[in-house]
Structure formats: C-alpha cells, structure tokens
Protein backbone atom coordinates (compact mmCIF):
# COMPACT_ATOMS: atom_id res chain seq x y z
CA MET A 1 -71.32 26.61 -10.43
CA GLU A 2 -69.01 24.66 -12.70
CA THR A 3 -66.35 24.59 -9.99
CA GLY A 4 -68.87 23.26 -7.49
CA ASN A 5 -70.08 20.59 -9.87
CA THR A 6 -66.54 19.55 -10.68
CA SER A 7 -65.79 19.22 -7.00
CA LYS A 8 -68.87 17.07 -6.53
CA TYR A 9 -67.93 14.86 -9.46
CA LEU A 10 -64.39 14.47 -8.11
CA LYS A 11 -65.67 13.49 -4.68
CA TYR A 12 -68.12 11.08 -6.27
CA ALA A 13 -65.41 9.57 -8.46
CA ILE A 14 -63.03 9.24 -5.54
CA GLY A 15 -65.78 7.61 -3.50
CA GLU A 16 -66.47 5.16 -6.31
CA ILE A 17 -62.77 4.35 -6.57
CA LEU A 18 -62.54 3.82 -2.82
CA LEU A 19 -65.53 1.50 -2.90
CA VAL A 20 -63.97 -0.49 -5.72
CA VAL A 21 -60.63 -0.69 -3.87
CA ILE A 22 -62.36 -1.74 -0.65
CA GLY A 23 -64.33 -4.33 -2.59
CA ILE A 24 -61.16 -5.70 -4.14
CA LEU A 25 -59.43 -5.84 -0.75
CA ILE A 26 -62.40 -7.63 0.79
CA ALA A 27 -62.49 -10.08 -2.12
CA LEU A 28 -58.76 -10.71 -1.76
CA GLN A 29 -59.15 -11.23 1.97
CA ILE A 30 -62.00 -13.68 1.42
CA ASN A 31 -59.99 -15.47 -1.26
CA ASN A 32 -56.95 -15.66 1.04
CA TRP A 33 -59.15 -16.98 3.84
CA ASN A 34 -60.62 -19.60 1.51
CA GLU A 35 -57.15 -20.61 0.34
CA SER A 36 -55.97 -20.79 3.94
CA GLN A 37 -58.92 -23.00 4.86
CA LYS A 38 -58.25 -25.20 1.84
CA MET A 39 -54.58 -25.57 2.82
CA GLU A 40 -55.54 -26.39 6.41
CA ARG A 41 -57.93 -29.09 5.22
CA LYS A 42 -55.20 -30.55 3.03
CA GLU A 43 -52.80 -30.47 5.97
CA GLN A 44 -55.32 -32.28 8.15
CA ILE A 45 -55.76 -34.98 5.51
CA LEU A 46 -51.98 -35.36 5.26
CA LEU A 47 -51.60 -35.53 9.05
CA THR A 48 -54.28 -38.22 9.24
CA GLN A 49 -52.54 -40.22 6.51
CA LEU A 50 -49.17 -39.87 8.21
CA LYS A 51 -50.63 -40.93 11.55
CA GLN A 52 -52.10 -44.09 10.05
CA GLU A 53 -48.89 -44.85 8.17
CA PHE A 54 -46.62 -44.45 11.20
CA GLU A 55 -48.95 -46.41 13.46
CA ASP A 56 -48.73 -49.21 10.88
CA ASN A 57 -44.95 -48.77 10.79
CA LEU A 58 -44.73 -49.15 14.55
CA ARG A 59 -46.84 -52.31 14.58
CA GLN A 60 -44.81 -53.80 11.75
CA LEU A 61 -41.52 -52.89 13.42
CA ASN A 62 -42.60 -54.53 16.69
CA ASP A 63 -43.62 -57.68 14.79
CA LYS A 64 -40.22 -57.82 13.08
CA ILE A 65 -38.48 -57.45 16.45
CA ALA A 66 -40.58 -60.34 17.79
CA ILE A 67 -39.67 -62.50 14.78
CA ARG A 68 -35.96 -61.79 15.26
CA ASN A 69 -36.23 -62.64 18.94
CA ARG A 70 -37.61 -66.06 18.02
CA VAL A 71 -34.85 -66.53 15.46
CA ILE A 72 -32.28 -65.69 18.12
CA GLU A 73 -33.89 -68.06 20.65
CA SER A 74 -33.85 -70.95 18.18
CA SER A 75 -30.28 -70.24 17.08
CA LYS A 76 -29.13 -70.23 20.68
CA PHE A 77 -31.11 -73.40 21.38
CA LEU A 78 -29.27 -75.19 18.57
CA LEU A 79 -25.89 -73.82 19.61
CA ASN A 80 -26.50 -74.98 23.17
CA MET A 81 -27.54 -78.39 21.86
CA ILE A 82 -24.20 -78.61 20.05
CA ASP A 83 -22.19 -77.38 23.02
CA GLN A 84 -23.86 -79.71 25.49
CA LYS A 85 -24.03 -82.63 23.03
CA LEU A 86 -27.75 -82.96 23.73
CA ASN A 87 -30.12 -85.26 21.86
CA PHE A 88 -33.55 -84.09 20.77
CA HIS A 89 -36.31 -85.53 18.64
CA ASN A 90 -36.02 -84.66 14.95
CA ASP A 91 -39.24 -82.63 15.08
CA THR A 92 -37.76 -80.39 17.76
CA ILE A 93 -34.61 -79.85 15.74
CA VAL A 94 -36.58 -79.13 12.56
CA PHE A 95 -38.79 -76.68 14.45
CA HIS A 96 -35.84 -74.60 15.64
CA LEU A 97 -33.83 -74.99 12.46
CA GLN A 98 -36.64 -73.67 10.24
CA ARG A 99 -36.92 -70.60 12.43
CA THR A 100 -33.32 -69.70 11.62
CA LEU A 101 -34.41 -69.21 7.99
CA TYR A 102 -36.37 -66.05 8.76
CA THR A 103 -34.80 -62.75 7.73
CA PRO A 104 -37.51 -60.14 8.37
CA THR A 105 -37.24 -56.80 6.62
CA PHE A 106 -39.00 -53.58 7.56
CA ASN A 107 -41.08 -52.31 4.63
CA THR A 108 -42.55 -48.83 4.69
CA ASN A 109 -44.57 -46.81 2.19
CA THR A 110 -43.90 -43.58 4.07
CA ASN A 111 -41.17 -42.54 1.66
CA ASN A 112 -43.94 -41.88 -0.87
CA PHE A 113 -44.84 -38.79 1.15
CA PHE A 114 -41.38 -37.35 0.57
CA VAL A 115 -41.76 -37.24 -3.20
CA SER A 116 -44.95 -35.26 -2.80
CA LYS A 117 -45.01 -31.47 -2.51
CA ASP A 118 -47.83 -31.89 0.01
CA ILE A 119 -45.23 -32.42 2.73
CA ASN A 120 -44.71 -28.63 2.57
CA LEU A 121 -48.25 -28.22 3.88
CA LEU A 122 -47.06 -29.16 7.36
CA GLN A 123 -46.77 -26.19 9.70
CA ASN A 124 -45.03 -28.08 12.50
CA ASP A 125 -41.28 -27.55 12.00
CA SER A 126 -40.37 -30.19 14.59
CA LEU A 127 -42.46 -32.74 12.70
CA LYS A 128 -40.88 -31.79 9.37
CA ASN A 129 -37.43 -32.16 10.91
CA LEU A 130 -38.24 -35.63 12.28
CA LEU A 131 -39.69 -36.67 8.93
CA SER A 132 -36.59 -35.46 7.10
CA GLN A 133 -34.48 -37.87 9.21
CA TRP A 134 -36.78 -40.82 8.58
CA PRO A 135 -35.44 -42.13 5.23
CA THR A 136 -31.86 -42.24 6.55
CA LYS A 137 -32.86 -44.14 9.67
CA VAL A 138 -34.84 -46.68 7.64
CA ASP A 139 -31.90 -47.15 5.27
CA GLU A 140 -29.57 -47.92 8.19
CA LEU A 141 -31.82 -50.76 9.33
CA PHE A 142 -32.39 -52.00 5.77
CA GLU A 143 -28.64 -52.33 5.16
CA GLU A 144 -28.24 -54.66 8.15
CA GLU A 145 -31.33 -56.65 7.18
CA MET A 146 -30.00 -57.22 3.68
CA VAL A 147 -26.66 -58.49 4.99
CA LEU A 148 -28.50 -61.30 6.78
CA ARG A 149 -30.87 -62.00 3.88
CA GLU A 150 -28.04 -62.28 1.35
CA HIS A 151 -26.13 -64.54 3.76
CA ARG A 152 -29.17 -66.78 4.07
CA ASP A 153 -29.85 -66.98 0.33
CA ASN A 154 -26.26 -67.28 -0.87
CA GLU A 155 -24.60 -69.20 1.96
CA TYR A 156 -26.89 -70.70 4.59
CA ILE A 157 -29.62 -72.35 2.49
CA PRO A 158 -27.10 -73.89 0.04
CA PHE A 159 -25.20 -75.24 3.05
CA LEU A 160 -28.35 -76.79 4.53
CA THR A 161 -29.34 -78.23 1.16
CA ARG A 162 -26.04 -80.06 0.93
CA HIS A 163 -26.51 -81.77 4.30
CA ILE A 164 -30.25 -82.27 4.91
CA GLN A 165 -33.60 -82.48 3.14
CA VAL A 166 -34.79 -78.89 3.44
CA ARG A 167 -38.31 -79.90 2.41
CA ASP A 168 -39.00 -80.75 6.05
CA LEU A 169 -37.94 -77.23 7.03
CA TYR A 170 -40.25 -75.62 4.48
CA GLN A 171 -43.09 -77.85 5.66
CA GLN A 172 -42.49 -76.77 9.25
CA VAL A 173 -42.47 -73.11 8.20
CA GLU A 174 -46.12 -73.51 7.20
CA LEU A 175 -46.96 -75.32 10.43
CA ASP A 176 -45.34 -72.74 12.70
CA LEU A 177 -48.41 -70.74 13.72
CA GLY A 178 -46.39 -68.62 16.14
CA MET A 179 -44.42 -67.19 13.24
CA LYS A 180 -47.30 -67.08 10.75
CA ASP A 181 -49.31 -64.87 13.11
CA LEU A 182 -46.53 -62.29 12.87
CA ILE A 183 -45.91 -62.63 9.15
CA TYR A 184 -49.33 -62.73 7.52
CA PRO A 185 -51.60 -59.65 7.62
CA GLU A 186 -54.21 -59.46 10.37
CA GLY A 187 -57.30 -61.40 9.44
CA SER A 188 -55.48 -63.46 6.83
CA ASP A 189 -55.21 -67.23 7.01
CA GLY A 190 -52.09 -67.16 4.88
CA LEU A 191 -51.54 -69.54 2.02
CA ASP A 192 -52.30 -73.23 2.00
CA SER A 193 -48.84 -74.30 0.88
CA LEU A 194 -48.16 -77.43 2.91
CA ILE A 195 -45.80 -79.65 0.93
CA GLY A 196 -45.53 -82.65 3.25
CA ARG A 197 -42.46 -84.36 4.65
CA THR A 198 -39.72 -85.96 2.64
CA ASN A 199 -39.40 -89.75 2.32
CA GLN A 200 -35.72 -89.46 1.48
CA ARG A 201 -34.22 -89.53 4.90
CA LYS A 202 -30.98 -87.80 5.70
CA LYS A 203 -30.32 -87.91 9.40
CA ILE A 204 -30.69 -84.33 10.52
CA ASP A 205 -28.49 -84.83 13.57
CA LYS A 206 -25.52 -85.37 11.24
CA LEU A 207 -25.79 -81.72 10.30
CA PHE A 208 -24.53 -80.76 13.74
CA LEU A 209 -21.33 -82.72 13.26
CA VAL A 210 -20.37 -80.27 10.51
CA GLU A 211 -18.24 -77.55 12.08
CA ASP A 212 -19.59 -74.76 9.86
CA ILE A 213 -23.07 -75.00 11.35
CA GLU A 214 -21.87 -73.14 14.45
CA ASP A 215 -20.56 -70.29 12.31
CA TYR A 216 -23.84 -69.99 10.44
CA LEU A 217 -25.92 -70.00 13.61
CA SER A 218 -23.59 -67.47 15.23
CA PHE A 219 -23.84 -65.18 12.20
CA ILE A 220 -27.64 -65.40 12.27
CA THR A 221 -27.71 -64.61 15.99
CA LEU A 222 -25.35 -61.66 15.61
CA PHE A 223 -27.12 -59.95 12.73
CA SER A 224 -30.58 -60.61 14.14
CA ASN A 225 -29.40 -58.84 17.28
CA ILE A 226 -27.99 -56.00 15.20
CA GLY A 227 -31.32 -55.69 13.37
CA ASN A 228 -33.14 -55.41 16.67
CA GLY A 229 -30.55 -52.95 17.92
CA GLN A 230 -31.25 -50.74 14.90
CA SER A 231 -35.00 -51.17 15.37
CA VAL A 232 -35.11 -49.78 18.92
CA PRO A 233 -34.06 -46.20 18.02
CA LEU A 234 -36.27 -46.39 14.94
CA SER A 235 -39.20 -47.29 17.17
CA LYS A 236 -38.42 -44.29 19.40
CA HIS A 237 -38.25 -42.08 16.33
CA ILE A 238 -41.68 -43.26 15.18
CA LYS A 239 -43.13 -42.48 18.61
CA LEU A 240 -41.68 -38.94 18.47
CA ILE A 241 -43.22 -38.46 15.03
CA LEU A 242 -46.60 -39.70 16.26
CA ASP A 243 -46.42 -37.33 19.25
CA GLU A 244 -45.84 -34.37 16.92
CA ILE A 245 -48.59 -35.50 14.55
CA ASN A 246 -51.09 -35.82 17.39
CA GLU A 247 -50.10 -32.41 18.72
CA SER A 248 -50.59 -30.86 15.27
CA ILE A 249 -54.01 -32.49 14.91
CA ASP A 250 -55.12 -31.40 18.39
CA ASN A 251 -54.02 -27.79 17.81
CA ARG A 252 -56.18 -27.38 14.69
C-alpha cells in the first residue's frame, strides 16, 4: 500500500512540476511576445520619424539647389555684363549683385537619431547601411558650403563694402521675393527688416572697373556649382533611404 501511495504522490508531484514548468514557459512566451510587440511599435514610431525627417531633408536640399542656381545665374549675368561692356540700370545690377551674397547651407537634424540607441530597433539591414553612410555624405557637402561662406564673409563682403554702399544690397535682399520664398519656412512672411536705400551715392557701375570683381564672381559660380554637384548624389541617397523606409513600413 505504501509503495502504491508513494507512486501516486510521485506522479502527482511530477504533474504539478510539469504544470508549473508549462506555466512558466507560457508566461515567458507571452512576455517575449509582448516585448516583441513593444519593440515593433517603437520601430514603427522611429520609421515614421525618419520618414518625416528625410522628406524634410529632401525638400530643403531641393530649395538649396534652387537658391544656388539663382546665385549662379546672377553671377554669370554680371560676368557677361563685364565681358560685353553692357550698361544696365542700377536696380538691375543691385538685384543680381545681392543674389551673389547667398551661401545656402544644408541643415539636418537627422544626426540626432545616430546618438540614440533606438536606431538598433531597425530590422532592415539595407536601411541601417544607408543611414550609416549619411553623416559622411552630409559632411562632404557641408565642407564645400563652408568654403563659400567663409569666402563671402572674410573676402567678398569686405571687398564690396570698400567700393559700394552695401545697404542697397541688403535692402534688395528683403525685396527679393523669389529668394525669400525659398529661405523662409512655409507659411512664414519672414521678418519685416526693410532698411531703405542709401542717400550716400557711390556709383555702383564703378565696381565693375575693379579687376578683382571677376575673380570673386568666378569663385562664387564655381563653388555654388560644386555645392550643387555634391547635392545631387545626396538627393539620390535620401531617395534610397525613403524607399527602404517605405518598404519597412509596408511590410509591418
């Protein structure tokens, strides 16, 4: 009898243990499933944020390309005016000259994602690879942009200041709606910073008798072209990233 009872107790105990083990395994599986769902939701949030950020990047990059194209057009207009010894009204000259002051730079907040561990949530290896290349590609463009900006601030503007009243140029900057539409955020009217024209007249056409003006305009044209040249592959890279992001979102 005792042997039979012992056997029953053993079977009962083993059954209890098995039930506990099965319960633990089920709980672990449920917990793992919950964690997996939580990670997937976090990934979806990250993908949505990245999509918005890179769509904004693409729009901004296209705007900066358009600004540089206008800078190049105005620089070439002035160079042609010098070459052909053409005469234009002062307002026309001021209009094109003020456009040569623009040195657009591409500004992105996307690098903030790379200091976050959340980037490891991404399951798409192709996307992670493209994102890993992004900071380097942005830096390449930024280096060229800063060459032109430093040239403008340290060389070009001081040169202009020595030969003309630059107040007229700054006034025209605020009147140039074609440029302001690309510079100010959508829906913004910009700043009311009209400063009026100068009464201290220096003949602006005398500026074009100074030989150095051709060098400055040529430099601006060259590095604006280089900036656009760097922007084209960056634009393609953004589109590849967006394709991978959309694919990841659609597959979830």
